[in-house]
PDB file of N, CA and C in Angstrom:
ATOM      1  N   MET A   1      88.599  68.438 144.795  1.00  0.00           N
ATOM      2  CA  MET A   1      88.554  70.067 144.360  1.00  0.00           C
ATOM      3  C   MET A   1      87.099  69.897 145.091  1.00  0.00           C
ATOM      4  N   ARG A   2      86.446  71.298 145.446  1.00  0.00           N
ATOM      5  CA  ARG A   2      85.594  71.609 146.177  1.00  0.00           C
ATOM      6  C   ARG A   2      84.423  71.848 145.237  1.00  0.00           C
ATOM      7  N   TRP A   3      83.001  71.721 145.609  1.00  0.00           N
ATOM      8  CA  TRP A   3      81.726  72.511 144.851  1.00  0.00           C
ATOM      9  C   TRP A   3      80.969  72.733 145.699  1.00  0.00           C
ATOM     10  N   PRO A   4      80.254  73.954 145.579  1.00  0.00           N
ATOM     11  CA  PRO A   4      80.667  74.675 144.531  1.00  0.00           C
ATOM     12  C   PRO A   4      82.386  75.381 144.596  1.00  0.00           C
ATOM     13  N   PRO A   5      82.572  76.218 143.238  1.00  0.00           N
ATOM     14  CA  PRO A   5      84.130  76.270 143.601  1.00  0.00           C
ATOM     15  C   PRO A   5      84.033  77.798 144.463  1.00  0.00           C
ATOM     16  N   SER A   6      85.198  77.808 145.048  1.00  0.00           N
ATOM     17  CA  SER A   6      85.398  78.927 145.804  1.00  0.00           C
ATOM     18  C   SER A   6      85.214  80.423 145.079  1.00  0.00           C
ATOM     19  N   ALA A   7      84.883  81.425 145.763  1.00  0.00           N
ATOM     20  CA  ALA A   7      84.710  82.931 145.457  1.00  0.00           C
ATOM     21  C   ALA A   7      85.904  83.420 144.154  1.00  0.00           C
ATOM     22  N   PRO A   8      86.966  83.237 145.144  1.00  0.00           N
ATOM     23  CA  PRO A   8      88.328  83.832 144.192  1.00  0.00           C
ATOM     24  C   PRO A   8      88.294  82.893 142.749  1.00  0.00           C
ATOM     25  N   ALA A   9      88.040  81.424 142.642  1.00  0.00           N
ATOM     26  CA  ALA A   9      88.376  80.472 141.770  1.00  0.00           C
ATOM     27  C   ALA A   9      87.299  81.039 140.988  1.00  0.00           C
ATOM     28  N   ALA A  10      85.975  81.118 140.975  1.00  0.00           N
ATOM     29  CA  ALA A  10      84.683  81.423 140.163  1.00  0.00           C
ATOM     30  C   ALA A  10      85.299  82.616 139.648  1.00  0.00           C
ATOM     31  N   SER A  11      85.684  84.203 140.317  1.00  0.00           N
ATOM     32  CA  SER A  11      85.727  84.881 139.528  1.00  0.00           C
ATOM     33  C   SER A  11      86.940  85.154 138.986  1.00  0.00           C
ATOM     34  N   LYS A  12      88.032  83.783 138.419  1.00  0.00           N
ATOM     35  CA  LYS A  12      88.890  83.679 137.636  1.00  0.00           C
ATOM     36  C   LYS A  12      88.079  83.711 136.310  1.00  0.00           C
ATOM     37  N   VAL A  13      86.884  82.620 136.374  1.00  0.00           N
ATOM     38  CA  VAL A  13      86.550  82.726 134.811  1.00  0.00           C
ATOM     39  C   VAL A  13      85.538  83.916 134.540  1.00  0.00           C
ATOM     40  N   LYS A  14      85.906  84.304 133.010  1.00  0.00           N
ATOM     41  CA  LYS A  14      85.608  85.302 132.422  1.00  0.00           C
ATOM     42  C   LYS A  14      84.362  85.010 131.687  1.00  0.00           C
ATOM     43  N   ALA A  15      83.283  86.122 131.657  1.00  0.00           N
ATOM     44  CA  ALA A  15      82.100  85.815 130.720  1.00  0.00           C
ATOM     45  C   ALA A  15      82.596  86.414 129.761  1.00  0.00           C
ATOM     46  N   MET A  16      82.406  85.089 128.676  1.00  0.00           N
ATOM     47  CA  MET A  16      82.267  85.588 126.717  1.00  0.00           C
ATOM     48  C   MET A  16      81.734  86.573 126.781  1.00  0.00           C
ATOM     49  N   ARG A  17      82.329  87.952 126.265  1.00  0.00           N
ATOM     50  CA  ARG A  17      81.602  88.829 125.460  1.00  0.00           C
ATOM     51  C   ARG A  17      80.976  88.755 124.212  1.00  0.00           C
ATOM     52  N   SER A  18      79.867  89.274 123.868  1.00  0.00           N
ATOM     53  CA  SER A  18      79.032  89.097 122.606  1.00  0.00           C
ATOM     54  C   SER A  18      78.916  90.650 121.988  1.00  0.00           C
ATOM     55  N   VAL A  19      78.379  90.359 120.883  1.00  0.00           N
ATOM     56  CA  VAL A  19      77.713  91.328 119.772  1.00  0.00           C
ATOM     57  C   VAL A  19      76.300  91.059 119.564  1.00  0.00           C
ATOM     58  N   ARG A  20      75.843  91.997 119.059  1.00  0.00           N
ATOM     59  CA  ARG A  20      74.406  91.598 118.776  1.00  0.00           C
ATOM     60  C   ARG A  20      74.185  92.099 117.462  1.00  0.00           C
ATOM     61  N   LEU A  21      73.727  91.687 116.050  1.00  0.00           N
ATOM     62  CA  LEU A  21      73.624  92.289 115.034  1.00  0.00           C
ATOM     63  C   LEU A  21      72.062  93.097 115.128  1.00  0.00           C
ATOM     64  N   SER A  22      71.604  93.586 114.096  1.00  0.00           N
ATOM     65  CA  SER A  22      70.798  94.520 114.006  1.00  0.00           C
ATOM     66  C   SER A  22      69.058  93.722 113.792  1.00  0.00           C
ATOM     67  N   THR A  23      69.320  92.126 113.519  1.00  0.00           N
ATOM     68  CA  THR A  23      68.284  91.295 113.666  1.00  0.00           C
ATOM     69  C   THR A  23      68.104  91.033 115.035  1.00  0.00           C
ATOM     70  N   GLY A  24      69.104  91.187 115.773  1.00  0.00           N
ATOM     71  CA  GLY A  24      68.788  90.508 117.044  1.00  0.00           C
ATOM     72  C   GLY A  24      70.052  89.350 117.236  1.00  0.00           C
ATOM     73  N   ARG A  25      70.285  88.491 116.504  1.00  0.00           N
ATOM     74  CA  ARG A  25      70.999  87.276 116.695  1.00  0.00           C
ATOM     75  C   ARG A  25      72.841  88.134 117.258  1.00  0.00           C
ATOM     76  N   GLU A  26      72.966  87.127 118.311  1.00  0.00           N
ATOM     77  CA  GLU A  26      74.080  87.359 119.162  1.00  0.00           C
ATOM     78  C   GLU A  26      75.322  86.595 118.564  1.00  0.00           C
ATOM     79  N   ILE A  27      76.531  86.977 118.750  1.00  0.00           N
ATOM     80  CA  ILE A  27      77.549  86.548 118.212  1.00  0.00           C
ATOM     81  C   ILE A  27      78.683  87.052 119.307  1.00  0.00           C
ATOM     82  N   VAL A  28      78.890  85.427 119.788  1.00  0.00           N
ATOM     83  CA  VAL A  28      80.282  85.641 120.965  1.00  0.00           C
ATOM     84  C   VAL A  28      81.352  85.385 120.278  1.00  0.00           C
ATOM     85  N   LEU A  29      81.882  86.536 120.972  1.00  0.00           N
ATOM     86  CA  LEU A  29      83.569  87.172 120.412  1.00  0.00           C
ATOM     87  C   LEU A  29      85.026  86.177 121.619  1.00  0.00           C
ATOM     88  N   ASP A  30      84.512  85.007 120.412  1.00  0.00           N
ATOM     89  CA  ASP A  30      85.488  84.031 120.947  1.00  0.00           C
ATOM     90  C   ASP A  30      86.459  83.799 120.384  1.00  0.00           C
ATOM     91  N   GLY A  31      87.066  85.054 119.071  1.00  0.00           N
ATOM     92  CA  GLY A  31      87.902  85.221 118.004  1.00  0.00           C
ATOM     93  C   GLY A  31      87.812  84.580 117.056  1.00  0.00           C
ATOM     94  N   ASP A  32      86.703  83.996 116.669  1.00  0.00           N
ATOM     95  CA  ASP A  32      86.301  83.329 115.532  1.00  0.00           C
ATOM     96  C   ASP A  32      85.950  84.320 114.586  1.00  0.00           C
ATOM     97  N   LEU A  33      86.755  84.867 113.892  1.00  0.00           N
ATOM     98  CA  LEU A  33      86.579  85.684 112.569  1.00  0.00           C
ATOM     99  C   LEU A  33      85.263  85.266 111.755  1.00  0.00           C
ATOM    100  N   LEU A  34      85.519  83.901 111.522  1.00  0.00           N
ATOM    101  CA  LEU A  34      84.716  83.303 110.639  1.00  0.00           C
ATOM    102  C   LEU A  34      83.016  83.189 111.149  1.00  0.00           C
ATOM    103  N   ALA A  35      82.851  83.026 112.457  1.00  0.00           N
ATOM    104  CA  ALA A  35      81.895  83.452 112.816  1.00  0.00           C
ATOM    105  C   ALA A  35      80.995  84.633 112.796  1.00  0.00           C
ATOM    106  N   ILE A  36      81.596  85.447 112.736  1.00  0.00           N
ATOM    107  CA  ILE A  36      81.232  86.990 112.614  1.00  0.00           C
ATOM    108  C   ILE A  36      80.794  87.091 111.205  1.00  0.00           C
ATOM    109  N   LEU A  37      81.628  86.681 110.257  1.00  0.00           N
ATOM    110  CA  LEU A  37      81.598  86.288 108.845  1.00  0.00           C
ATOM    111  C   LEU A  37      80.031  85.735 108.504  1.00  0.00           C
ATOM    112  N   GLU A  38      79.836  84.868 109.007  1.00  0.00           N
ATOM    113  CA  GLU A  38      78.981  83.959 109.119  1.00  0.00           C
ATOM    114  C   GLU A  38      77.816  84.343 109.732  1.00  0.00           C
ATOM    115  N   GLY A  39      77.411  85.147 110.437  1.00  0.00           N
ATOM    116  CA  GLY A  39      76.106  85.752 111.033  1.00  0.00           C
ATOM    117  C   GLY A  39      76.036  86.813 110.556  1.00  0.00           C
ATOM    118  N   LEU A  40      77.122  87.826 109.591  1.00  0.00           N
ATOM    119  CA  LEU A  40      76.683  88.721 108.770  1.00  0.00           C
ATOM    120  C   LEU A  40      76.154  88.208 107.450  1.00  0.00           C
ATOM    121  N   TYR A  41      76.532  86.811 106.976  1.00  0.00           N
ATOM    122  CA  TYR A  41      76.054  86.651 106.084  1.00  0.00           C
ATOM    123  C   TYR A  41      74.676  85.851 105.948  1.00  0.00           C
ATOM    124  N   ARG A  42      74.586  85.254 106.870  1.00  0.00           N
ATOM    125  CA  ARG A  42      72.991  84.649 107.173  1.00  0.00           C
ATOM    126  C   ARG A  42      71.836  85.867 107.770  1.00  0.00           C
ATOM    127  N   GLU A  43      72.635  86.950 108.328  1.00  0.00           N
ATOM    128  CA  GLU A  43      71.422  87.870 108.657  1.00  0.00           C
ATOM    129  C   GLU A  43      71.599  89.186 108.183  1.00  0.00           C
ATOM    130  N   VAL A  44      72.256  89.159 107.358  1.00  0.00           N
ATOM    131  CA  VAL A  44      72.340  90.704 106.461  1.00  0.00           C
ATOM    132  C   VAL A  44      71.860  90.194 105.146  1.00  0.00           C
ATOM    133  N   THR A  45      72.820  89.616 104.428  1.00  0.00           N
ATOM    134  CA  THR A  45      72.798  89.041 103.405  1.00  0.00           C
ATOM    135  C   THR A  45      71.726  88.156 102.484  1.00  0.00           C
ATOM    136  N   LEU A  46      71.632  87.184 103.569  1.00  0.00           N
ATOM    137  CA  LEU A  46      70.552  86.451 103.117  1.00  0.00           C
ATOM    138  C   LEU A  46      68.807  86.505 103.666  1.00  0.00           C
ATOM    139  N   LYS A  47      69.537  87.300 104.690  1.00  0.00           N
ATOM    140  CA  LYS A  47      67.671  87.980 105.016  1.00  0.00           C
ATOM    141  C   LYS A  47      67.530  89.367 104.065  1.00  0.00           C
ATOM    142  N   HIS A  48      68.114  89.807 103.230  1.00  0.00           N
ATOM    143  CA  HIS A  48      67.891  90.502 102.556  1.00  0.00           C
ATOM    144  C   HIS A  48      68.052  89.902 101.204  1.00  0.00           C
ATOM    145  N   GLN A  49      67.772  88.627 100.891  1.00  0.00           N
ATOM    146  CA  GLN A  49      67.665  88.073  99.807  1.00  0.00           C
ATOM    147  C   GLN A  49      68.781  88.415  98.691  1.00  0.00           C
ATOM    148  N   LEU A  50      69.974  88.397  99.383  1.00  0.00           N
ATOM    149  CA  LEU A  50      71.199  88.815  98.297  1.00  0.00           C
ATOM    150  C   LEU A  50      71.014  90.257  97.798  1.00  0.00           C
ATOM    151  N   ARG A  51      70.416  90.990  98.148  1.00  0.00           N
ATOM    152  CA  ARG A  51      70.159  92.351  97.928  1.00  0.00           C
ATOM    153  C   ARG A  51      70.479  93.400  98.601  1.00  0.00           C
ATOM    154  N   VAL A  52      71.782  92.981  99.264  1.00  0.00           N
ATOM    155  CA  VAL A  52      72.385  93.829 100.208  1.00  0.00           C
ATOM    156  C   VAL A  52      73.127  95.105  99.824  1.00  0.00           C
ATOM    157  N   SER A  53      73.315  96.260 100.384  1.00  0.00           N
ATOM    158  CA  SER A  53      73.889  97.083  99.684  1.00  0.00           C
ATOM    159  C   SER A  53      75.337  97.456 100.452  1.00  0.00           C
ATOM    160  N   PHE A  54      76.195  97.628  99.962  1.00  0.00           N
ATOM    161  CA  PHE A  54      77.647  98.101 100.311  1.00  0.00           C
ATOM    162  C   PHE A  54      77.067  98.943 101.517  1.00  0.00           C
ATOM    163  N   GLU A  55      76.538 100.040 101.979  1.00  0.00           N
ATOM    164  CA  GLU A  55      75.688 100.667 102.725  1.00  0.00           C
ATOM    165  C   GLU A  55      75.317  99.840 104.023  1.00  0.00           C
ATOM    166  N   ASP A  56      74.622  99.170 103.581  1.00  0.00           N
ATOM    167  CA  ASP A  56      73.717  98.221 104.685  1.00  0.00           C
ATOM    168  C   ASP A  56      74.788  97.325 105.388  1.00  0.00           C
ATOM    169  N   MET A  57      75.646  96.484 104.700  1.00  0.00           N
ATOM    170  CA  MET A  57      76.362  95.757 105.196  1.00  0.00           C
ATOM    171  C   MET A  57      77.465  96.840 106.034  1.00  0.00           C
ATOM    172  N   LEU A  58      78.505  97.948 105.205  1.00  0.00           N
ATOM    173  CA  LEU A  58      79.008  98.525 106.080  1.00  0.00           C
ATOM    174  C   LEU A  58      78.409  99.050 107.325  1.00  0.00           C
ATOM    175  N   HIS A  59      77.138  99.609 107.634  1.00  0.00           N
ATOM    176  CA  HIS A  59      76.348  99.910 108.744  1.00  0.00           C
ATOM    177  C   HIS A  59      76.296  99.028 109.882  1.00  0.00           C
ATOM    178  N   GLU A  60      76.461  97.577 109.616  1.00  0.00           N
ATOM    179  CA  GLU A  60      76.112  96.324 110.297  1.00  0.00           C
ATOM    180  C   GLU A  60      77.431  96.119 111.057  1.00  0.00           C
ATOM    181  N   ILE A  61      78.352  96.240 110.032  1.00  0.00           N
ATOM    182  CA  ILE A  61      80.304  95.877 110.424  1.00  0.00           C
ATOM    183  C   ILE A  61      80.596  97.044 111.826  1.00  0.00           C
ATOM    184  N   GLN A  62      79.866  98.021 111.161  1.00  0.00           N
ATOM    185  CA  GLN A  62      80.403  99.590 111.992  1.00  0.00           C
ATOM    186  C   GLN A  62      79.367  99.310 113.674  1.00  0.00           C
ATOM    187  N   SER A  63      78.103  98.831 113.520  1.00  0.00           N
ATOM    188  CA  SER A  63      77.636  98.477 114.749  1.00  0.00           C
ATOM    189  C   SER A  63      78.434  97.353 115.421  1.00  0.00           C
ATOM    190  N   LEU A  64      78.678  96.544 114.927  1.00  0.00           N
ATOM    191  CA  LEU A  64      79.510  95.477 115.773  1.00  0.00           C
ATOM    192  C   LEU A  64      80.916  95.896 116.516  1.00  0.00           C
ATOM    193  N   VAL A  65      81.625  96.654 115.597  1.00  0.00           N
ATOM    194  CA  VAL A  65      82.832  97.257 115.886  1.00  0.00           C
ATOM    195  C   VAL A  65      82.700  98.200 117.410  1.00  0.00           C
ATOM    196  N   ASP A  66      81.674  98.779 117.008  1.00  0.00           N
ATOM    197  CA  ASP A  66      81.502 100.027 118.490  1.00  0.00           C
ATOM    198  C   ASP A  66      80.691  99.028 119.349  1.00  0.00           C
ATOM    199  N   GLN A  67      80.302  97.868 119.080  1.00  0.00           N
ATOM    200  CA  GLN A  67      79.943  97.024 120.476  1.00  0.00           C
ATOM    201  C   GLN A  67      81.070  96.446 121.576  1.00  0.00           C
ATOM    202  N   MET A  68      82.175  96.371 120.608  1.00  0.00           N
ATOM    203  CA  MET A  68      83.622  95.843 121.525  1.00  0.00           C
ATOM    204  C   MET A  68      84.396  96.740 121.985  1.00  0.00           C
ATOM    205  N   GLU A  69      85.022  95.844 122.967  1.00  0.00           N
ATOM    206  CA  GLU A  69      85.728  96.411 123.024  1.00  0.00           C
ATOM    207  C   GLU A  69      87.076  96.302 122.577  1.00  0.00           C
ATOM    208  N   GLU A  70      88.121  97.141 123.324  1.00  0.00           N
ATOM    209  CA  GLU A  70      89.317  97.581 122.691  1.00  0.00           C
ATOM    210  C   GLU A  70      90.045  96.101 122.334  1.00  0.00           C
ATOM    211  N   THR A  71      90.388  95.309 123.397  1.00  0.00           N
ATOM    212  CA  THR A  71      91.048  94.363 122.775  1.00  0.00           C
ATOM    213  C   THR A  71      90.323  93.560 121.911  1.00  0.00           C
ATOM    214  N   ASP A  72      89.173  93.014 121.910  1.00  0.00           N
ATOM    215  CA  ASP A  72      88.696  92.618 121.125  1.00  0.00           C
ATOM    216  C   ASP A  72      88.578  92.927 119.829  1.00  0.00           C
ATOM    217  N   ARG A  73      88.355  94.408 119.513  1.00  0.00           N
ATOM    218  CA  ARG A  73      89.192  95.164 118.176  1.00  0.00           C
ATOM    219  C   ARG A  73      90.015  94.656 117.612  1.00  0.00           C
ATOM    220  N   LYS A  74      91.302  94.815 118.616  1.00  0.00           N
ATOM    221  CA  LYS A  74      92.569  94.415 118.108  1.00  0.00           C
ATOM    222  C   LYS A  74      92.515  93.184 117.556  1.00  0.00           C
ATOM    223  N   ARG A  75      92.315  92.089 118.700  1.00  0.00           N
ATOM    224  CA  ARG A  75      92.310  90.744 118.119  1.00  0.00           C
ATOM    225  C   ARG A  75      91.367  90.148 116.888  1.00  0.00           C
ATOM    226  N   TYR A  76      90.139  90.801 116.398  1.00  0.00           N
ATOM    227  CA  TYR A  76      89.740  90.606 115.321  1.00  0.00           C
ATOM    228  C   TYR A  76      90.226  91.242 113.959  1.00  0.00           C
ATOM    229  N   LEU A  77      90.911  92.665 114.163  1.00  0.00           N
ATOM    230  CA  LEU A  77      91.781  93.125 113.184  1.00  0.00           C
ATOM    231  C   LEU A  77      92.902  92.470 112.957  1.00  0.00           C
ATOM    232  N   VAL A  78      93.657  91.730 113.650  1.00  0.00           N
ATOM    233  CA  VAL A  78      95.067  90.783 113.473  1.00  0.00           C
ATOM    234  C   VAL A  78      94.313  89.612 112.833  1.00  0.00           C
ATOM    235  N   GLU A  79      93.041  89.248 113.375  1.00  0.00           N
ATOM    236  CA  GLU A  79      92.549  88.034 112.213  1.00  0.00           C
ATOM    237  C   GLU A  79      92.172  88.490 111.153  1.00  0.00           C
ATOM    238  N   SER A  80      91.408  89.239 111.024  1.00  0.00           N
ATOM    239  CA  SER A  80      91.044  89.948 109.628  1.00  0.00           C
ATOM    240  C   SER A  80      92.215  90.120 108.850  1.00  0.00           C
ATOM    241  N   LEU A  81      93.083  90.966 109.070  1.00  0.00           N
ATOM    242  CA  LEU A  81      94.162  91.006 108.170  1.00  0.00           C
ATOM    243  C   LEU A  81      95.089  89.821 108.120  1.00  0.00           C
ATOM    244  N   PHE A  82      95.154  89.018 108.854  1.00  0.00           N
ATOM    245  CA  PHE A  82      95.798  87.714 108.379  1.00  0.00           C
ATOM    246  C   PHE A  82      94.901  86.865 107.529  1.00  0.00           C
ATOM    247  N   LEU A  83      93.793  86.415 107.779  1.00  0.00           N
ATOM    248  CA  LEU A  83      92.565  86.146 106.715  1.00  0.00           C
ATOM    249  C   LEU A  83      92.817  86.590 105.554  1.00  0.00           C
ATOM    250  N   ASN A  84      92.716  87.760 105.117  1.00  0.00           N
ATOM    251  CA  ASN A  84      92.709  88.852 104.174  1.00  0.00           C
ATOM    252  C   ASN A  84      94.262  88.553 103.630  1.00  0.00           C
ATOM    253  N   SER A  85      95.516  88.260 104.183  1.00  0.00           N
ATOM    254  CA  SER A  85      96.517  87.950 103.480  1.00  0.00           C
ATOM    255  C   SER A  85      96.720  86.590 102.890  1.00  0.00           C
ATOM    256  N   VAL A  86      96.302  85.896 103.908  1.00  0.00           N
ATOM    257  CA  VAL A  86      95.993  84.455 102.981  1.00  0.00           C
ATOM    258  C   VAL A  86      95.333  84.488 101.958  1.00  0.00           C
ATOM    259  N   THR A  87      94.066  85.265 101.784  1.00  0.00           N
ATOM    260  CA  THR A  87      93.694  85.196 100.982  1.00  0.00           C
ATOM    261  C   THR A  87      93.936  85.712  99.434  1.00  0.00           C
ATOM    262  N   TYR A  88      94.676  86.310  99.827  1.00  0.00           N
ATOM    263  CA  TYR A  88      95.577  87.510  98.723  1.00  0.00           C
ATOM    264  C   TYR A  88      96.181  86.551  98.168  1.00  0.00           C
ATOM    265  N   GLU A  89      97.374  86.120  99.149  1.00  0.00           N
ATOM    266  CA  GLU A  89      98.364  85.454  98.578  1.00  0.00           C
ATOM    267  C   GLU A  89      97.735  84.064  97.625  1.00  0.00           C
ATOM    268  N   ASN A  90      96.517  83.651  97.899  1.00  0.00           N
ATOM    269  CA  ASN A  90      95.989  82.369  97.299  1.00  0.00           C
ATOM    270  C   ASN A  90      95.439  82.955  96.018  1.00  0.00           C
ATOM    271  N   GLU A  91      94.982  84.098  95.974  1.00  0.00           N
ATOM    272  CA  GLU A  91      94.724  84.766  94.698  1.00  0.00           C
ATOM    273  C   GLU A  91      95.711  84.928  93.766  1.00  0.00           C
ATOM    274  N   MET A  92      96.931  85.414  94.389  1.00  0.00           N
ATOM    275  CA  MET A  92      97.861  86.011  93.468  1.00  0.00           C
ATOM    276  C   MET A  92      98.299  84.342  92.477  1.00  0.00           C
ATOM    277  N   PHE A  93      98.612  83.810  93.747  1.00  0.00           N
ATOM    278  CA  PHE A  93      99.129  81.947  93.295  1.00  0.00           C
ATOM    279  C   PHE A  93      98.292  81.349  92.113  1.00  0.00           C
ATOM    280  N   ASP A  94      96.897  81.701  92.373  1.00  0.00           N
ATOM    281  CA  ASP A  94      96.136  81.056  91.113  1.00  0.00           C
ATOM    282  C   ASP A  94      96.046  81.900  90.207  1.00  0.00           C
ATOM    283  N   ALA A  95      96.326  83.300  89.905  1.00  0.00           N
ATOM    284  CA  ALA A  95      96.435  84.258  88.747  1.00  0.00           C
ATOM    285  C   ALA A  95      97.910  83.521  88.310  1.00  0.00           C
ATOM    286  N   TYR A  96      98.959  83.604  88.974  1.00  0.00           N
ATOM    287  CA  TYR A  96     100.470  83.305  88.404  1.00  0.00           C
ATOM    288  C   TYR A  96     100.195  81.657  87.770  1.00  0.00           C
ATOM    289  N   MET A  97      99.149  80.830  88.307  1.00  0.00           N
ATOM    290  CA  MET A  97      99.308  79.525  88.025  1.00  0.00           C
ATOM    291  C   MET A  97      98.517  79.680  86.518  1.00  0.00           C
ATOM    292  N   ARG A  98      97.316  80.471  86.676  1.00  0.00           N
ATOM    293  CA  ARG A  98      96.952  80.742  85.140  1.00  0.00           C
ATOM    294  C   ARG A  98      97.480  81.411  84.091  1.00  0.00           C
ATOM    295  N   ARG A  99      98.381  82.251  84.247  1.00  0.00           N
ATOM    296  CA  ARG A  99      99.321  82.657  83.396  1.00  0.00           C
ATOM    297  C   ARG A  99     100.171  81.408  82.619  1.00  0.00           C
ATOM    298  N   LEU A 100     100.851  80.542  83.683  1.00  0.00           N
ATOM    299  CA  LEU A 100     101.643  79.505  83.484  1.00  0.00           C
ATOM    300  C   LEU A 100     101.007  78.408  82.591  1.00  0.00           C
ATOM    301  N   THR A 101     100.059  78.357  82.691  1.00  0.00           N
ATOM    302  CA  THR A 101      99.064  77.196  82.195  1.00  0.00           C
ATOM    303  C   THR A 101      98.545  77.842  80.589  1.00  0.00           C
ATOM    304  N   SER A 102      98.086  79.111  80.516  1.00  0.00           N
ATOM    305  CA  SER A 102      97.823  79.500  79.602  1.00  0.00           C
ATOM    306  C   SER A 102      98.907  79.982  78.205  1.00  0.00           C
ATOM    307  N   ALA A 103     100.186  80.053  79.075  1.00  0.00           N
ATOM    308  CA  ALA A 103     101.290  80.223  78.024  1.00  0.00           C
ATOM    309  C   ALA A 103     101.931  79.320  77.824  1.00  0.00           C
ATOM    310  N   LYS A 104     101.421  77.753  78.208  1.00  0.00           N
ATOM    311  CA  LYS A 104     101.820  76.090  77.644  1.00  0.00           C
ATOM    312  C   LYS A 104     100.622  76.353  76.714  1.00  0.00           C
ATOM    313  N   LYS A 105      99.530  76.306  76.757  1.00  0.00           N
ATOM    314  CA  LYS A 105      98.489  76.089  75.745  1.00  0.00           C
ATOM    315  C   LYS A 105      98.305  77.163  74.677  1.00  0.00           C
ATOM    316  N   ARG A 106      99.166  77.982  74.792  1.00  0.00           N
ATOM    317  CA  ARG A 106      99.279  78.954  73.548  1.00  0.00           C
ATOM    318  C   ARG A 106     100.433  78.336  72.725  1.00  0.00           C
ATOM    319  N   GLY A 107     101.411  78.070  73.872  1.00  0.00           N
ATOM    320  CA  GLY A 107     102.615  77.545  72.699  1.00  0.00           C
ATOM    321  C   GLY A 107     102.562  76.299  72.021  1.00  0.00           C
ATOM    322  N   ARG A 108     101.589  75.340  72.279  1.00  0.00           N
ATOM    323  CA  ARG A 108     101.453  73.692  71.682  1.00  0.00           C
ATOM    324  C   ARG A 108     100.930  73.866  70.269  1.00  0.00           C
ATOM    325  N   GLY A 109     100.450  74.727  69.471  1.00  0.00           N
ATOM    326  CA  GLY A 109      99.774  74.820  68.404  1.00  0.00           C
ATOM    327  C   GLY A 109     101.183  75.270  67.447  1.00  0.00           C
ATOM    328  N   ARG A 110     102.105  75.841  67.709  1.00  0.00           N
ATOM    329  CA  ARG A 110     103.144  76.565  66.707  1.00  0.00           C
ATOM    330  C   ARG A 110     104.277  75.083  67.165  1.00  0.00           C
ATOM    331  N   SER A 111     105.284  74.892  65.973  1.00  0.00           N
ATOM    332  CA  SER A 111     106.455  74.056  66.252  1.00  0.00           C
ATOM    333  C   SER A 111     107.525  75.313  66.361  1.00  0.00           C
ATOM    334  N   ALA A 112     108.280  74.726  66.894  1.00  0.00           N
ATOM    335  CA  ALA A 112     109.466  75.377  67.946  1.00  0.00           C
ATOM    336  C   ALA A 112     109.919  76.200  66.777  1.00  0.00           C
ATOM    337  N   GLY A 113     110.519  77.521  66.516  1.00  0.00           N
ATOM    338  CA  GLY A 113     111.155  78.468  65.347  1.00  0.00           C
ATOM    339  C   GLY A 113     110.460  78.774  64.292  1.00  0.00           C
ATOM    340  N   ARG A 114     109.217  78.352  64.490  1.00  0.00           N
ATOM    341  CA  ARG A 114     108.145  78.681  62.914  1.00  0.00           C
ATOM    342  C   ARG A 114     107.490  79.961  63.278  1.00  0.00           C
ATOM    343  N   SER A 115     107.088  80.929  62.596  1.00  0.00           N
ATOM    344  CA  SER A 115     106.649  81.909  62.808  1.00  0.00           C
ATOM    345  C   SER A 115     105.145  81.981  62.139  1.00  0.00           C
ATOM    346  N   ALA A 116     104.018  82.524  62.606  1.00  0.00           N
ATOM    347  CA  ALA A 116     102.918  82.133  61.701  1.00  0.00           C
ATOM    348  C   ALA A 116     102.497  83.061  60.544  1.00  0.00           C
TER     349      ALA A 116
END
């Protein structure tokens, strides 16, 4: 391989896009939704000492989305929906397991067939 790479090969390398939070922190758009969530948490929630309002966070998220190209918006929407569906499934499973275990605990105090 020749060094430096020829112009056609170098042009195939696409620069990573990024977005900037209002604090100035830059987040690379590499498909990692958790990197964006962590950036929002550190730069918005923690910098406001956990006193961030719904409007503050919504404004920051809207600003990030406005900076994205359409392909990035689609990719992050899919990633967000996937992550939220997994979280939802886990919460539903946890609630189901709590119902099962609480039913067993309630049933232990009485003998079968007797009423209180």
